[in-house]
C-alpha atoms as a PDB file:
ATOM      1  CA  MET A   1      87.294  75.537 114.583  1.00  0.00           C
ATOM      2  CA  GLN A   2      90.028  73.683 116.441  1.00  0.00           C
ATOM      3  CA  LEU A   3      93.140  73.509 114.248  1.00  0.00           C
ATOM      4  CA  LYS A   4      95.833  73.189 116.895  1.00  0.00           C
ATOM      5  CA  THR A   5      96.555  69.621 115.876  1.00  0.00           C
ATOM      6  CA  ARG A   6     100.027  68.552 114.926  1.00  0.00           C
ATOM      7  CA  TYR A   7     100.983  68.716 111.284  1.00  0.00           C
ATOM      8  CA  ALA A   8     101.665  64.988 111.225  1.00  0.00           C
ATOM      9  CA  PHE A   9     100.085  63.791 108.004  1.00  0.00           C
ATOM     10  CA  SER A  10     102.218  62.801 105.057  1.00  0.00           C
ATOM     11  CA  MET A  11     103.400  65.460 102.658  1.00  0.00           C
ATOM     12  CA  GLU A  12     105.361  63.047 100.467  1.00  0.00           C
ATOM     13  CA  THR A  13     103.961  64.373  97.200  1.00  0.00           C
ATOM     14  CA  LYS A  14     104.034  68.147  97.133  1.00  0.00           C
ATOM     15  CA  LEU A  15     102.521  70.026  94.246  1.00  0.00           C
ATOM     16  CA  LEU A  16     103.373  73.608  93.428  1.00  0.00           C
ATOM     17  CA  THR A  17     100.146  75.589  93.714  1.00  0.00           C
ATOM     18  CA  SER A  18      99.465  79.293  93.621  1.00  0.00           C
ATOM     19  CA  VAL A  19      96.361  81.142  94.733  1.00  0.00           C
ATOM     20  CA  ARG A  20      95.267  84.756  94.823  1.00  0.00           C
ATOM     21  CA  LEU A  21      93.988  86.038  98.154  1.00  0.00           C
ATOM     22  CA  SER A  22      92.453  89.285  99.259  1.00  0.00           C
ATOM     23  CA  ALA A  23      94.594  91.405 101.561  1.00  0.00           C
ATOM     24  CA  GLU A  24      92.417  90.413 104.532  1.00  0.00           C
ATOM     25  CA  ALA A  25      92.599  86.693 103.727  1.00  0.00           C
ATOM     26  CA  LYS A  26      96.390  86.947 103.364  1.00  0.00           C
ATOM     27  CA  ARG A  27      96.637  88.714 106.737  1.00  0.00           C
ATOM     28  CA  LEU A  28      94.498  86.053 108.432  1.00  0.00           C
ATOM     29  CA  PHE A  29      96.425  83.297 106.671  1.00  0.00           C
ATOM     30  CA  ALA A  30      99.745  84.595 107.995  1.00  0.00           C
ATOM     31  CA  LEU A  31      98.318  85.009 111.513  1.00  0.00           C
ATOM     32  CA  LEU A  32      96.866  81.501 111.443  1.00  0.00           C
ATOM     33  CA  ALA A  33     100.231  80.006 110.500  1.00  0.00           C
ATOM     34  CA  LYS A  34     101.939  82.021 113.234  1.00  0.00           C
ATOM     35  CA  THR A  35      99.326  80.974 115.821  1.00  0.00           C
ATOM     36  CA  LEU A  36      99.823  77.335 114.844  1.00  0.00           C
ATOM     37  CA  SER A  37     103.614  77.758 114.854  1.00  0.00           C
ATOM     38  CA  SER A  38     103.694  76.256 111.392  1.00  0.00           C
ATOM     39  CA  SER A  39     104.393  77.189 107.818  1.00  0.00           C
ATOM     40  CA  GLN A  40     101.661  78.730 105.715  1.00  0.00           C
ATOM     41  CA  ALA A  41     101.579  75.537 103.639  1.00  0.00           C
ATOM     42  CA  ALA A  42     100.949  73.478 106.781  1.00  0.00           C
ATOM     43  CA  ALA A  43      98.259  75.903 107.975  1.00  0.00           C
ATOM     44  CA  LEU A  44      96.489  75.736 104.624  1.00  0.00           C
ATOM     45  CA  GLU A  45      96.664  71.937 104.582  1.00  0.00           C
ATOM     46  CA  LEU A  46      95.201  71.789 108.100  1.00  0.00           C
ATOM     47  CA  ALA A  47      92.434  74.245 107.253  1.00  0.00           C
ATOM     48  CA  ILE A  48      91.444  72.277 104.140  1.00  0.00           C
ATOM     49  CA  ARG A  49      91.476  68.976 106.013  1.00  0.00           C
ATOM     50  CA  ALA A  50      89.388  70.433 108.859  1.00  0.00           C
ATOM     51  CA  MET A  51      86.835  72.042 106.554  1.00  0.00           C
ATOM     52  CA  ALA A  52      86.347  69.133 104.132  1.00  0.00           C
ATOM     53  CA  PRO A  53      84.599  66.750 106.581  1.00  0.00           C
ATOM     54  CA  ARG A  54      82.370  69.565 107.873  1.00  0.00           C
ATOM     55  CA  GLU A  55      81.236  70.202 104.305  1.00  0.00           C
ATOM     56  CA  GLY A  56      80.804  66.491 103.553  1.00  0.00           C
ATOM     57  CA  VAL A  57      83.727  66.366 101.132  1.00  0.00           C
ATOM     58  CA  GLN A  58      85.830  63.225 101.009  1.00  0.00           C
END
């Protein structure tokens, strides 16, 4: 999965959201954000946007 795109989409409306992650998912999440040189929020947004079209979700 290629996620090294710029975090350029609009984040005008931000909603406070909390999730529970396993220790391994949290570790990978932090590493993904670091690899992308972005915040964890930006990394999550990118991951969701990349996965949705692959799964046929619009």
